[in-house]
Amino acid sequence: MKKKVLIVEKDKDILQIISHILSSEGYEVSTSQTERGVLERIEKEQPEVVLLDIVKPTLEGTELCRALKSFENISVIVLSTHMNIESFLNVCADDIISKPFDISELIDTIEKFTNDC
């Protein structure tokens, strides 16, 4: 069974690149450019990992991140260019990857959370 990853990324180009790479690595990938409807999709698709783009550490982003952590067996990996994003680790993220990132780092981080699936 393929491991499922949901990518929530505002930048269409980055979204397509990550999706293509993860698909070629054997993941079942679903994508969204907005936070709208993400919780419903998680209930339906049940991914093991959610890659969540956080542009700035805002209350809205924090609330979504917390809501994602309410789902059992889902790991949240935050993708961000913001320097003070580490606060998300204390709130809801299982890991953080700073943009720009190395593809092998991204894959290794996802594997860390999907090895038991």
PDB file of N, CA and C in Angstrom:
ATOM      1  N   MET A   1       0.839  -1.183   0.000  1.00  0.00           N
ATOM      2  CA  MET A   1       0.000   0.000   0.000  1.00  0.00           C
ATOM      3  C   MET A   1       0.885   1.247   0.000  1.00  0.00           C
ATOM      4  N   LYS A   2       0.553   2.213  -0.857  1.00  0.00           N
ATOM      5  CA  LYS A   2       1.320   3.451  -0.940  1.00  0.00           C
ATOM      6  C   LYS A   2       1.093   4.302   0.302  1.00  0.00           C
ATOM      7  N   LYS A   3       2.142   4.982   0.710  1.00  0.00           N
ATOM      8  CA  LYS A   3       2.044   5.920   1.819  1.00  0.00           C
ATOM      9  C   LYS A   3       1.447   7.214   1.285  1.00  0.00           C
ATOM     10  N   LYS A   4       0.512   7.801   2.054  1.00  0.00           N
ATOM     11  CA  LYS A   4      -0.221   8.978   1.594  1.00  0.00           C
ATOM     12  C   LYS A   4       0.337  10.261   2.198  1.00  0.00           C
ATOM     13  N   VAL A   5       0.501  11.263   1.330  1.00  0.00           N
ATOM     14  CA  VAL A   5       0.968  12.581   1.747  1.00  0.00           C
ATOM     15  C   VAL A   5       0.029  13.632   1.165  1.00  0.00           C
ATOM     16  N   LEU A   6      -0.414  14.551   2.012  1.00  0.00           N
ATOM     17  CA  LEU A   6      -1.195  15.701   1.570  1.00  0.00           C
ATOM     18  C   LEU A   6      -0.285  16.922   1.631  1.00  0.00           C
ATOM     19  N   ILE A   7      -0.155  17.631   0.517  1.00  0.00           N
ATOM     20  CA  ILE A   7       0.679  18.827   0.446  1.00  0.00           C
ATOM     21  C   ILE A   7      -0.229  20.051   0.396  1.00  0.00           C
ATOM     22  N   VAL A   8      -0.055  20.958   1.353  1.00  0.00           N
ATOM     23  CA  VAL A   8      -0.783  22.222   1.369  1.00  0.00           C
ATOM     24  C   VAL A   8       0.263  23.311   1.148  1.00  0.00           C
ATOM     25  N   GLU A   9       0.316  23.809  -0.085  1.00  0.00           N
ATOM     26  CA  GLU A   9       1.369  24.752  -0.499  1.00  0.00           C
ATOM     27  C   GLU A   9       0.758  25.820  -1.392  1.00  0.00           C
ATOM     28  N   LYS A  10       0.962  27.079  -1.030  1.00  0.00           N
ATOM     29  CA  LYS A  10       0.376  28.193  -1.784  1.00  0.00           C
ATOM     30  C   LYS A  10       1.036  28.428  -3.135  1.00  0.00           C
ATOM     31  N   ASP A  11       2.320  28.159  -3.237  1.00  0.00           N
ATOM     32  CA  ASP A  11       3.064  28.388  -4.479  1.00  0.00           C
ATOM     33  C   ASP A  11       2.839  27.216  -5.432  1.00  0.00           C
ATOM     34  N   LYS A  12       2.157  27.489  -6.542  1.00  0.00           N
ATOM     35  CA  LYS A  12       1.784  26.435  -7.495  1.00  0.00           C
ATOM     36  C   LYS A  12       2.997  25.678  -8.024  1.00  0.00           C
ATOM     37  N   ASP A  13       4.082  26.389  -8.327  1.00  0.00           N
ATOM     38  CA  ASP A  13       5.280  25.739  -8.865  1.00  0.00           C
ATOM     39  C   ASP A  13       5.911  24.789  -7.848  1.00  0.00           C
ATOM     40  N   ILE A  14       6.049  25.250  -6.616  1.00  0.00           N
ATOM     41  CA  ILE A  14       6.612  24.394  -5.567  1.00  0.00           C
ATOM     42  C   ILE A  14       5.708  23.195  -5.335  1.00  0.00           C
ATOM     43  N   LEU A  15       4.405  23.435  -5.325  1.00  0.00           N
ATOM     44  CA  LEU A  15       3.431  22.360  -5.141  1.00  0.00           C
ATOM     45  C   LEU A  15       3.602  21.282  -6.208  1.00  0.00           C
ATOM     46  N   GLN A  16       3.719  21.684  -7.461  1.00  0.00           N
ATOM     47  CA  GLN A  16       3.874  20.719  -8.556  1.00  0.00           C
ATOM     48  C   GLN A  16       5.197  19.964  -8.463  1.00  0.00           C
ATOM     49  N   ILE A  17       6.268  20.663  -8.111  1.00  0.00           N
ATOM     50  CA  ILE A  17       7.575  20.011  -8.002  1.00  0.00           C
ATOM     51  C   ILE A  17       7.570  18.965  -6.895  1.00  0.00           C
ATOM     52  N   ILE A  18       7.095  19.349  -5.707  1.00  0.00           N
ATOM     53  CA  ILE A  18       7.061  18.400  -4.589  1.00  0.00           C
ATOM     54  C   ILE A  18       6.159  17.224  -4.928  1.00  0.00           C
ATOM     55  N   SER A  19       5.003  17.501  -5.505  1.00  0.00           N
ATOM     56  CA  SER A  19       4.065  16.440  -5.868  1.00  0.00           C
ATOM     57  C   SER A  19       4.695  15.455  -6.848  1.00  0.00           C
ATOM     58  N   HIS A  20       5.344  15.968  -7.870  1.00  0.00           N
ATOM     59  CA  HIS A  20       5.988  15.114  -8.873  1.00  0.00           C
ATOM     60  C   HIS A  20       7.082  14.247  -8.236  1.00  0.00           C
ATOM     61  N   ILE A  21       7.913  14.853  -7.424  1.00  0.00           N
ATOM     62  CA  ILE A  21       9.014  14.109  -6.797  1.00  0.00           C
ATOM     63  C   ILE A  21       8.480  13.025  -5.872  1.00  0.00           C
ATOM     64  N   LEU A  22       7.521  13.364  -5.024  1.00  0.00           N
ATOM     65  CA  LEU A  22       6.989  12.364  -4.095  1.00  0.00           C
ATOM     66  C   LEU A  22       6.248  11.254  -4.832  1.00  0.00           C
ATOM     67  N   SER A  23       5.536  11.595  -5.884  1.00  0.00           N
ATOM     68  CA  SER A  23       4.867  10.562  -6.693  1.00  0.00           C
ATOM     69  C   SER A  23       5.887   9.614  -7.302  1.00  0.00           C
ATOM     70  N   SER A  24       6.989  10.164  -7.797  1.00  0.00           N
ATOM     71  CA  SER A  24       8.030   9.313  -8.393  1.00  0.00           C
ATOM     72  C   SER A  24       8.745   8.468  -7.343  1.00  0.00           C
ATOM     73  N   GLU A  25       8.655   8.875  -6.073  1.00  0.00           N
ATOM     74  CA  GLU A  25       9.229   8.099  -4.972  1.00  0.00           C
ATOM     75  C   GLU A  25       8.246   7.045  -4.453  1.00  0.00           C
ATOM     76  N   GLY A  26       7.060   6.976  -5.054  1.00  0.00           N
ATOM     77  CA  GLY A  26       6.100   5.946  -4.686  1.00  0.00           C
ATOM     78  C   GLY A  26       5.022   6.367  -3.704  1.00  0.00           C
ATOM     79  N   TYR A  27       4.932   7.644  -3.412  1.00  0.00           N
ATOM     80  CA  TYR A  27       3.895   8.129  -2.509  1.00  0.00           C
ATOM     81  C   TYR A  27       2.601   8.394  -3.261  1.00  0.00           C
ATOM     82  N   GLU A  28       1.481   8.222  -2.565  1.00  0.00           N
ATOM     83  CA  GLU A  28       0.185   8.660  -3.077  1.00  0.00           C
ATOM     84  C   GLU A  28       0.025  10.099  -2.602  1.00  0.00           C
ATOM     85  N   VAL A  29      -0.018  11.028  -3.531  1.00  0.00           N
ATOM     86  CA  VAL A  29       0.025  12.451  -3.196  1.00  0.00           C
ATOM     87  C   VAL A  29      -1.291  13.132  -3.545  1.00  0.00           C
ATOM     88  N   SER A  30      -1.779  13.945  -2.620  1.00  0.00           N
ATOM     89  CA  SER A  30      -2.886  14.848  -2.921  1.00  0.00           C
ATOM     90  C   SER A  30      -2.418  16.254  -2.563  1.00  0.00           C
ATOM     91  N   THR A  31      -3.013  17.246  -3.216  1.00  0.00           N
ATOM     92  CA  THR A  31      -2.516  18.609  -3.065  1.00  0.00           C
ATOM     93  C   THR A  31      -3.637  19.611  -2.851  1.00  0.00           C
ATOM     94  N   SER A  32      -3.250  20.739  -2.249  1.00  0.00           N
ATOM     95  CA  SER A  32      -4.163  21.861  -2.083  1.00  0.00           C
ATOM     96  C   SER A  32      -3.343  23.144  -2.030  1.00  0.00           C
ATOM     97  N   GLN A  33      -3.821  24.180  -2.713  1.00  0.00           N
ATOM     98  CA  GLN A  33      -3.153  25.477  -2.663  1.00  0.00           C
ATOM     99  C   GLN A  33      -3.719  26.371  -1.564  1.00  0.00           C
ATOM    100  N   THR A  34      -4.792  25.945  -0.926  1.00  0.00           N
ATOM    101  CA  THR A  34      -5.390  26.733   0.156  1.00  0.00           C
ATOM    102  C   THR A  34      -5.668  25.829   1.349  1.00  0.00           C
ATOM    103  N   GLU A  35      -5.880  26.473   2.499  1.00  0.00           N
ATOM    104  CA  GLU A  35      -6.220  25.720   3.707  1.00  0.00           C
ATOM    105  C   GLU A  35      -7.683  25.291   3.706  1.00  0.00           C
ATOM    106  N   ARG A  36      -8.481  25.923   2.858  1.00  0.00           N
ATOM    107  CA  ARG A  36      -9.909  25.643   2.806  1.00  0.00           C
ATOM    108  C   ARG A  36     -10.173  24.178   2.470  1.00  0.00           C
ATOM    109  N   GLY A  37     -10.935  23.532   3.284  1.00  0.00           N
ATOM    110  CA  GLY A  37     -11.320  22.157   3.020  1.00  0.00           C
ATOM    111  C   GLY A  37     -10.285  21.109   3.388  1.00  0.00           C
ATOM    112  N   VAL A  38      -9.158  21.525   3.953  1.00  0.00           N
ATOM    113  CA  VAL A  38      -8.088  20.570   4.270  1.00  0.00           C
ATOM    114  C   VAL A  38      -8.539  19.554   5.313  1.00  0.00           C
ATOM    115  N   LEU A  39      -9.236  19.999   6.350  1.00  0.00           N
ATOM    116  CA  LEU A  39      -9.656  19.076   7.407  1.00  0.00           C
ATOM    117  C   LEU A  39     -10.602  18.008   6.866  1.00  0.00           C
ATOM    118  N   GLU A  40     -11.506  18.405   5.987  1.00  0.00           N
ATOM    119  CA  GLU A  40     -12.435  17.439   5.389  1.00  0.00           C
ATOM    120  C   GLU A  40     -11.682  16.435   4.513  1.00  0.00           C
ATOM    121  N   ARG A  41     -10.698  16.922   3.776  1.00  0.00           N
ATOM    122  CA  ARG A  41      -9.907  16.027   2.917  1.00  0.00           C
ATOM    123  C   ARG A  41      -9.126  15.024   3.761  1.00  0.00           C
ATOM    124  N   ILE A  42      -8.628  15.457   4.900  1.00  0.00           N
ATOM    125  CA  ILE A  42      -7.885  14.547   5.763  1.00  0.00           C
ATOM    126  C   ILE A  42      -8.798  13.437   6.262  1.00  0.00           C
ATOM    127  N   GLU A  43     -10.011  13.794   6.659  1.00  0.00           N
ATOM    128  CA  GLU A  43     -10.966  12.777   7.106  1.00  0.00           C
ATOM    129  C   GLU A  43     -11.226  11.760   6.002  1.00  0.00           C
ATOM    130  N   LYS A  44     -11.340  12.237   4.770  1.00  0.00           N
ATOM    131  CA  LYS A  44     -11.645  11.366   3.631  1.00  0.00           C
ATOM    132  C   LYS A  44     -10.425  10.557   3.183  1.00  0.00           C
ATOM    133  N   GLU A  45      -9.272  11.219   3.038  1.00  0.00           N
ATOM    134  CA  GLU A  45      -8.096  10.589   2.435  1.00  0.00           C
ATOM    135  C   GLU A  45      -7.170   9.906   3.436  1.00  0.00           C
ATOM    136  N   GLN A  46      -7.199  10.327   4.688  1.00  0.00           N
ATOM    137  CA  GLN A  46      -6.388   9.762   5.762  1.00  0.00           C
ATOM    138  C   GLN A  46      -4.898   9.639   5.408  1.00  0.00           C
ATOM    139  N   PRO A  47      -4.246  10.770   5.143  1.00  0.00           N
ATOM    140  CA  PRO A  47      -2.807  10.718   4.854  1.00  0.00           C
ATOM    141  C   PRO A  47      -2.006  10.444   6.119  1.00  0.00           C
ATOM    142  N   GLU A  48      -0.804   9.903   5.945  1.00  0.00           N
ATOM    143  CA  GLU A  48       0.090   9.700   7.084  1.00  0.00           C
ATOM    144  C   GLU A  48       0.830  10.995   7.420  1.00  0.00           C
ATOM    145  N   VAL A  49       1.087  11.807   6.387  1.00  0.00           N
ATOM    146  CA  VAL A  49       1.850  13.045   6.556  1.00  0.00           C
ATOM    147  C   VAL A  49       1.135  14.192   5.851  1.00  0.00           C
ATOM    148  N   VAL A  50       1.138  15.359   6.508  1.00  0.00           N
ATOM    149  CA  VAL A  50       0.678  16.593   5.885  1.00  0.00           C
ATOM    150  C   VAL A  50       1.868  17.541   5.827  1.00  0.00           C
ATOM    151  N   LEU A  51       2.205  17.989   4.615  1.00  0.00           N
ATOM    152  CA  LEU A  51       3.214  19.032   4.430  1.00  0.00           C
ATOM    153  C   LEU A  51       2.455  20.350   4.384  1.00  0.00           C
ATOM    154  N   LEU A  52       2.705  21.221   5.349  1.00  0.00           N
ATOM    155  CA  LEU A  52       1.926  22.446   5.496  1.00  0.00           C
ATOM    156  C   LEU A  52       2.811  23.663   5.300  1.00  0.00           C
ATOM    157  N   ASP A  53       2.526  24.425   4.255  1.00  0.00           N
ATOM    158  CA  ASP A  53       3.244  25.669   3.988  1.00  0.00           C
ATOM    159  C   ASP A  53       2.724  26.750   4.923  1.00  0.00           C
ATOM    160  N   ILE A  54       3.628  27.324   5.700  1.00  0.00           N
ATOM    161  CA  ILE A  54       3.273  28.440   6.571  1.00  0.00           C
ATOM    162  C   ILE A  54       4.092  29.637   6.121  1.00  0.00           C
ATOM    163  N   VAL A  55       3.418  30.639   5.575  1.00  0.00           N
ATOM    164  CA  VAL A  55       4.117  31.826   5.095  1.00  0.00           C
ATOM    165  C   VAL A  55       4.605  32.654   6.277  1.00  0.00           C
ATOM    166  N   LYS A  56       3.724  32.897   7.240  1.00  0.00           N
ATOM    167  CA  LYS A  56       4.077  33.606   8.469  1.00  0.00           C
ATOM    168  C   LYS A  56       3.424  32.869   9.625  1.00  0.00           C
ATOM    169  N   PRO A  57       4.046  32.900  10.805  1.00  0.00           N
ATOM    170  CA  PRO A  57       3.410  32.256  11.961  1.00  0.00           C
ATOM    171  C   PRO A  57       2.255  33.109  12.477  1.00  0.00           C
ATOM    172  N   THR A  58       1.082  32.928  11.880  1.00  0.00           N
ATOM    173  CA  THR A  58      -0.104  33.698  12.260  1.00  0.00           C
ATOM    174  C   THR A  58      -1.031  32.839  13.103  1.00  0.00           C
ATOM    175  N   LEU A  59      -2.004  33.478  13.717  1.00  0.00           N
ATOM    176  CA  LEU A  59      -2.988  32.752  14.502  1.00  0.00           C
ATOM    177  C   LEU A  59      -3.733  31.754  13.628  1.00  0.00           C
ATOM    178  N   GLU A  60      -4.084  32.151  12.399  1.00  0.00           N
ATOM    179  CA  GLU A  60      -4.798  31.260  11.477  1.00  0.00           C
ATOM    180  C   GLU A  60      -3.973  30.009  11.169  1.00  0.00           C
ATOM    181  N   GLY A  61      -2.701  30.193  10.875  1.00  0.00           N
ATOM    182  CA  GLY A  61      -1.828  29.055  10.603  1.00  0.00           C
ATOM    183  C   GLY A  61      -1.667  28.163  11.810  1.00  0.00           C
ATOM    184  N   THR A  62      -1.566  28.765  12.987  1.00  0.00           N
ATOM    185  CA  THR A  62      -1.440  27.997  14.223  1.00  0.00           C
ATOM    186  C   THR A  62      -2.695  27.187  14.477  1.00  0.00           C
ATOM    187  N   GLU A  63      -3.858  27.787  14.260  1.00  0.00           N
ATOM    188  CA  GLU A  63      -5.123  27.077  14.474  1.00  0.00           C
ATOM    189  C   GLU A  63      -5.254  25.888  13.530  1.00  0.00           C
ATOM    190  N   LEU A  64      -4.892  26.075  12.265  1.00  0.00           N
ATOM    191  CA  LEU A  64      -4.949  24.966  11.311  1.00  0.00           C
ATOM    192  C   LEU A  64      -3.982  23.869  11.731  1.00  0.00           C
ATOM    193  N   CYS A  65      -2.790  24.261  12.122  1.00  0.00           N
ATOM    194  CA  CYS A  65      -1.790  23.287  12.541  1.00  0.00           C
ATOM    195  C   CYS A  65      -2.295  22.489  13.749  1.00  0.00           C
ATOM    196  N   ARG A  66      -2.877  23.166  14.718  1.00  0.00           N
ATOM    197  CA  ARG A  66      -3.435  22.475  15.897  1.00  0.00           C
ATOM    198  C   ARG A  66      -4.562  21.531  15.486  1.00  0.00           C
ATOM    199  N   ALA A  67      -5.417  21.991  14.593  1.00  0.00           N
ATOM    200  CA  ALA A  67      -6.521  21.145  14.137  1.00  0.00           C
ATOM    201  C   ALA A  67      -5.994  19.893  13.445  1.00  0.00           C
ATOM    202  N   LEU A  68      -4.923  20.038  12.675  1.00  0.00           N
ATOM    203  CA  LEU A  68      -4.334  18.872  12.009  1.00  0.00           C
ATOM    204  C   LEU A  68      -3.830  17.864  13.025  1.00  0.00           C
ATOM    205  N   LYS A  69      -3.273  18.350  14.123  1.00  0.00           N
ATOM    206  CA  LYS A  69      -2.733  17.444  15.137  1.00  0.00           C
ATOM    207  C   LYS A  69      -3.829  16.720  15.909  1.00  0.00           C
ATOM    208  N   SER A  70      -5.076  17.159  15.773  1.00  0.00           N
ATOM    209  CA  SER A  70      -6.161  16.467  16.459  1.00  0.00           C
ATOM    210  C   SER A  70      -6.481  15.130  15.797  1.00  0.00           C
ATOM    211  N   PHE A  71      -5.998  14.934  14.575  1.00  0.00           N
ATOM    212  CA  PHE A  71      -6.197  13.662  13.888  1.00  0.00           C
ATOM    213  C   PHE A  71      -5.146  12.665  14.362  1.00  0.00           C
ATOM    214  N   GLU A  72      -5.578  11.468  14.674  1.00  0.00           N
ATOM    215  CA  GLU A  72      -4.637  10.429  15.094  1.00  0.00           C
ATOM    216  C   GLU A  72      -3.798   9.968  13.914  1.00  0.00           C
ATOM    217  N   ASN A  73      -2.577   9.597  14.208  1.00  0.00           N
ATOM    218  CA  ASN A  73      -1.678   8.989  13.221  1.00  0.00           C
ATOM    219  C   ASN A  73      -1.336   9.885  12.035  1.00  0.00           C
ATOM    220  N   ILE A  74      -1.389  11.197  12.219  1.00  0.00           N
ATOM    221  CA  ILE A  74      -0.983  12.118  11.159  1.00  0.00           C
ATOM    222  C   ILE A  74       0.181  12.950  11.672  1.00  0.00           C
ATOM    223  N   SER A  75       1.235  12.980  10.889  1.00  0.00           N
ATOM    224  CA  SER A  75       2.387  13.822  11.213  1.00  0.00           C
ATOM    225  C   SER A  75       2.303  15.096  10.387  1.00  0.00           C
ATOM    226  N   VAL A  76       2.602  16.219  11.026  1.00  0.00           N
ATOM    227  CA  VAL A  76       2.566  17.515  10.358  1.00  0.00           C
ATOM    228  C   VAL A  76       3.996  18.027  10.208  1.00  0.00           C
ATOM    229  N   ILE A  77       4.389  18.255   8.961  1.00  0.00           N
ATOM    230  CA  ILE A  77       5.697  18.829   8.662  1.00  0.00           C
ATOM    231  C   ILE A  77       5.448  20.211   8.081  1.00  0.00           C
ATOM    232  N   VAL A  78       5.949  21.232   8.760  1.00  0.00           N
ATOM    233  CA  VAL A  78       5.765  22.609   8.324  1.00  0.00           C
ATOM    234  C   VAL A  78       6.889  22.994   7.375  1.00  0.00           C
ATOM    235  N   LEU A  79       6.506  23.601   6.250  1.00  0.00           N
ATOM    236  CA  LEU A  79       7.457  24.156   5.286  1.00  0.00           C
ATOM    237  C   LEU A  79       7.372  25.670   5.409  1.00  0.00           C
ATOM    238  N   SER A  80       8.512  26.349   5.597  1.00  0.00           N
ATOM    239  CA  SER A  80       8.440  27.794   5.766  1.00  0.00           C
ATOM    240  C   SER A  80       9.751  28.489   5.455  1.00  0.00           C
ATOM    241  N   THR A  81       9.632  29.739   5.033  1.00  0.00           N
ATOM    242  CA  THR A  81      10.802  30.597   4.855  1.00  0.00           C
ATOM    243  C   THR A  81      10.992  31.492   6.068  1.00  0.00           C
ATOM    244  N   HIS A  82      10.036  31.508   6.967  1.00  0.00           N
ATOM    245  CA  HIS A  82      10.082  32.389   8.130  1.00  0.00           C
ATOM    246  C   HIS A  82      11.087  31.876   9.154  1.00  0.00           C
ATOM    247  N   MET A  83      11.908  32.756   9.659  1.00  0.00           N
ATOM    248  CA  MET A  83      12.990  32.371  10.565  1.00  0.00           C
ATOM    249  C   MET A  83      12.517  31.936  11.950  1.00  0.00           C
ATOM    250  N   ASN A  84      11.412  32.473  12.446  1.00  0.00           N
ATOM    251  CA  ASN A  84      10.964  32.167  13.803  1.00  0.00           C
ATOM    252  C   ASN A  84       9.886  31.096  13.835  1.00  0.00           C
ATOM    253  N   ILE A  85       9.897  30.232  12.882  1.00  0.00           N
ATOM    254  CA  ILE A  85       8.863  29.208  12.761  1.00  0.00           C
ATOM    255  C   ILE A  85       9.022  28.093  13.796  1.00  0.00           C
ATOM    256  N   GLU A  86      10.151  28.045  14.491  1.00  0.00           N
ATOM    257  CA  GLU A  86      10.386  26.994  15.476  1.00  0.00           C
ATOM    258  C   GLU A  86       9.287  26.932  16.529  1.00  0.00           C
ATOM    259  N   SER A  87       8.597  28.047  16.752  1.00  0.00           N
ATOM    260  CA  SER A  87       7.506  28.054  17.724  1.00  0.00           C
ATOM    261  C   SER A  87       6.425  27.051  17.351  1.00  0.00           C
ATOM    262  N   PHE A  88       6.320  26.717  16.064  1.00  0.00           N
ATOM    263  CA  PHE A  88       5.324  25.733  15.639  1.00  0.00           C
ATOM    264  C   PHE A  88       5.632  24.341  16.175  1.00  0.00           C
ATOM    265  N   LEU A  89       6.893  24.032  16.393  1.00  0.00           N
ATOM    266  CA  LEU A  89       7.225  22.728  16.962  1.00  0.00           C
ATOM    267  C   LEU A  89       6.589  22.573  18.329  1.00  0.00           C
ATOM    268  N   ASN A  90       6.563  23.640  19.102  1.00  0.00           N
ATOM    269  CA  ASN A  90       5.963  23.580  20.427  1.00  0.00           C
ATOM    270  C   ASN A  90       4.445  23.519  20.362  1.00  0.00           C
ATOM    271  N   VAL A  91       3.868  24.022  19.288  1.00  0.00           N
ATOM    272  CA  VAL A  91       2.414  24.090  19.169  1.00  0.00           C
ATOM    273  C   VAL A  91       1.836  22.852  18.502  1.00  0.00           C
ATOM    274  N   CYS A  92       2.397  22.470  17.351  1.00  0.00           N
ATOM    275  CA  CYS A  92       1.692  21.437  16.603  1.00  0.00           C
ATOM    276  C   CYS A  92       2.519  20.657  15.600  1.00  0.00           C
ATOM    277  N   ALA A  93       3.630  21.172  15.162  1.00  0.00           N
ATOM    278  CA  ALA A  93       4.371  20.501  14.090  1.00  0.00           C
ATOM    279  C   ALA A  93       5.241  19.385  14.645  1.00  0.00           C
ATOM    280  N   ASP A  94       5.334  18.307  13.877  1.00  0.00           N
ATOM    281  CA  ASP A  94       6.244  17.220  14.233  1.00  0.00           C
ATOM    282  C   ASP A  94       7.656  17.526  13.763  1.00  0.00           C
ATOM    283  N   ASP A  95       7.766  18.331  12.720  1.00  0.00           N
ATOM    284  CA  ASP A  95       9.075  18.733  12.209  1.00  0.00           C
ATOM    285  C   ASP A  95       8.895  19.979  11.349  1.00  0.00           C
ATOM    286  N   ILE A  96      10.006  20.648  11.083  1.00  0.00           N
ATOM    287  CA  ILE A  96      10.000  21.858  10.266  1.00  0.00           C
ATOM    288  C   ILE A  96      11.093  21.737   9.227  1.00  0.00           C
ATOM    289  N   ILE A  97      10.766  22.123   8.004  1.00  0.00           N
ATOM    290  CA  ILE A  97      11.760  22.183   6.936  1.00  0.00           C
ATOM    291  C   ILE A  97      11.767  23.617   6.422  1.00  0.00           C
ATOM    292  N   SER A  98      12.936  24.234   6.460  1.00  0.00           N
ATOM    293  CA  SER A  98      13.069  25.615   6.000  1.00  0.00           C
ATOM    294  C   SER A  98      13.218  25.660   4.491  1.00  0.00           C
ATOM    295  N   LYS A  99      12.535  26.627   3.884  1.00  0.00           N
ATOM    296  CA  LYS A  99      12.681  26.865   2.451  1.00  0.00           C
ATOM    297  C   LYS A  99      13.832  27.836   2.245  1.00  0.00           C
ATOM    298  N   PRO A 100      14.604  27.706   1.227  1.00  0.00           N
ATOM    299  CA  PRO A 100      14.593  26.590   0.272  1.00  0.00           C
ATOM    300  C   PRO A 100      15.141  25.334   0.941  1.00  0.00           C
ATOM    301  N   PHE A 101      14.651  24.187   0.504  1.00  0.00           N
ATOM    302  CA  PHE A 101      15.064  22.930   1.119  1.00  0.00           C
ATOM    303  C   PHE A 101      15.675  22.010   0.082  1.00  0.00           C
ATOM    304  N   ASP A 102      16.409  21.053   0.585  1.00  0.00           N
ATOM    305  CA  ASP A 102      17.012  20.019  -0.241  1.00  0.00           C
ATOM    306  C   ASP A 102      16.001  18.881  -0.379  1.00  0.00           C
ATOM    307  N   ILE A 103      15.813  18.388  -1.583  1.00  0.00           N
ATOM    308  CA  ILE A 103      14.822  17.328  -1.822  1.00  0.00           C
ATOM    309  C   ILE A 103      15.115  16.089  -0.983  1.00  0.00           C
ATOM    310  N   SER A 104      16.376  15.716  -0.855  1.00  0.00           N
ATOM    311  CA  SER A 104      16.702  14.526  -0.058  1.00  0.00           C
ATOM    312  C   SER A 104      16.338  14.749   1.410  1.00  0.00           C
ATOM    313  N   GLU A 105      16.481  15.978   1.902  1.00  0.00           N
ATOM    314  CA  GLU A 105      16.073  16.285   3.275  1.00  0.00           C
ATOM    315  C   GLU A 105      14.562  16.114   3.422  1.00  0.00           C
ATOM    316  N   LEU A 106      13.813  16.585   2.440  1.00  0.00           N
ATOM    317  CA  LEU A 106      12.361  16.455   2.469  1.00  0.00           C
ATOM    318  C   LEU A 106      11.948  14.988   2.492  1.00  0.00           C
ATOM    319  N   ILE A 107      12.514  14.196   1.605  1.00  0.00           N
ATOM    320  CA  ILE A 107      12.171  12.772   1.531  1.00  0.00           C
ATOM    321  C   ILE A 107      12.568  12.055   2.818  1.00  0.00           C
ATOM    322  N   ASP A 108      13.765  12.337   3.331  1.00  0.00           N
ATOM    323  CA  ASP A 108      14.210  11.712   4.587  1.00  0.00           C
ATOM    324  C   ASP A 108      13.277  12.056   5.741  1.00  0.00           C
ATOM    325  N   THR A 109      12.834  13.297   5.793  1.00  0.00           N
ATOM    326  CA  THR A 109      11.936  13.720   6.867  1.00  0.00           C
ATOM    327  C   THR A 109      10.585  13.022   6.750  1.00  0.00           C
ATOM    328  N   ILE A 110      10.054  12.931   5.551  1.00  0.00           N
ATOM    329  CA  ILE A 110       8.782  12.230   5.355  1.00  0.00           C
ATOM    330  C   ILE A 110       8.937  10.760   5.726  1.00  0.00           C
ATOM    331  N   GLU A 111      10.019  10.140   5.296  1.00  0.00           N
ATOM    332  CA  GLU A 111      10.268   8.726   5.619  1.00  0.00           C
ATOM    333  C   GLU A 111      10.328   8.494   7.122  1.00  0.00           C
ATOM    334  N   LYS A 112      10.875   9.456   7.847  1.00  0.00           N
ATOM    335  CA  LYS A 112      10.973   9.343   9.303  1.00  0.00           C
ATOM    336  C   LYS A 112       9.591   9.140   9.924  1.00  0.00           C
ATOM    337  N   PHE A 113       8.576   9.737   9.312  1.00  0.00           N
ATOM    338  CA  PHE A 113       7.227   9.657   9.867  1.00  0.00           C
ATOM    339  C   PHE A 113       6.340   8.613   9.189  1.00  0.00           C
ATOM    340  N   THR A 114       6.822   7.969   8.136  1.00  0.00           N
ATOM    341  CA  THR A 114       6.002   6.960   7.456  1.00  0.00           C
ATOM    342  C   THR A 114       6.582   5.558   7.557  1.00  0.00           C
ATOM    343  N   ASN A 115       7.697   5.389   8.212  1.00  0.00           N
ATOM    344  CA  ASN A 115       8.316   4.064   8.302  1.00  0.00           C
ATOM    345  C   ASN A 115       7.448   3.035   8.999  1.00  0.00           C
ATOM    346  N   ASP A 116       6.611   3.468   9.933  1.00  0.00           N
ATOM    347  CA  ASP A 116       5.777   2.527  10.677  1.00  0.00           C
ATOM    348  C   ASP A 116       4.447   2.246  10.003  1.00  0.00           C
ATOM    349  N   CYS A 117       4.180   2.895   8.883  1.00  0.00           N
ATOM    350  CA  CYS A 117       2.879   2.755   8.210  1.00  0.00           C
ATOM    351  C   CYS A 117       2.834   1.503   7.364  1.00  0.00           C
TER     352      CYS A 117
END
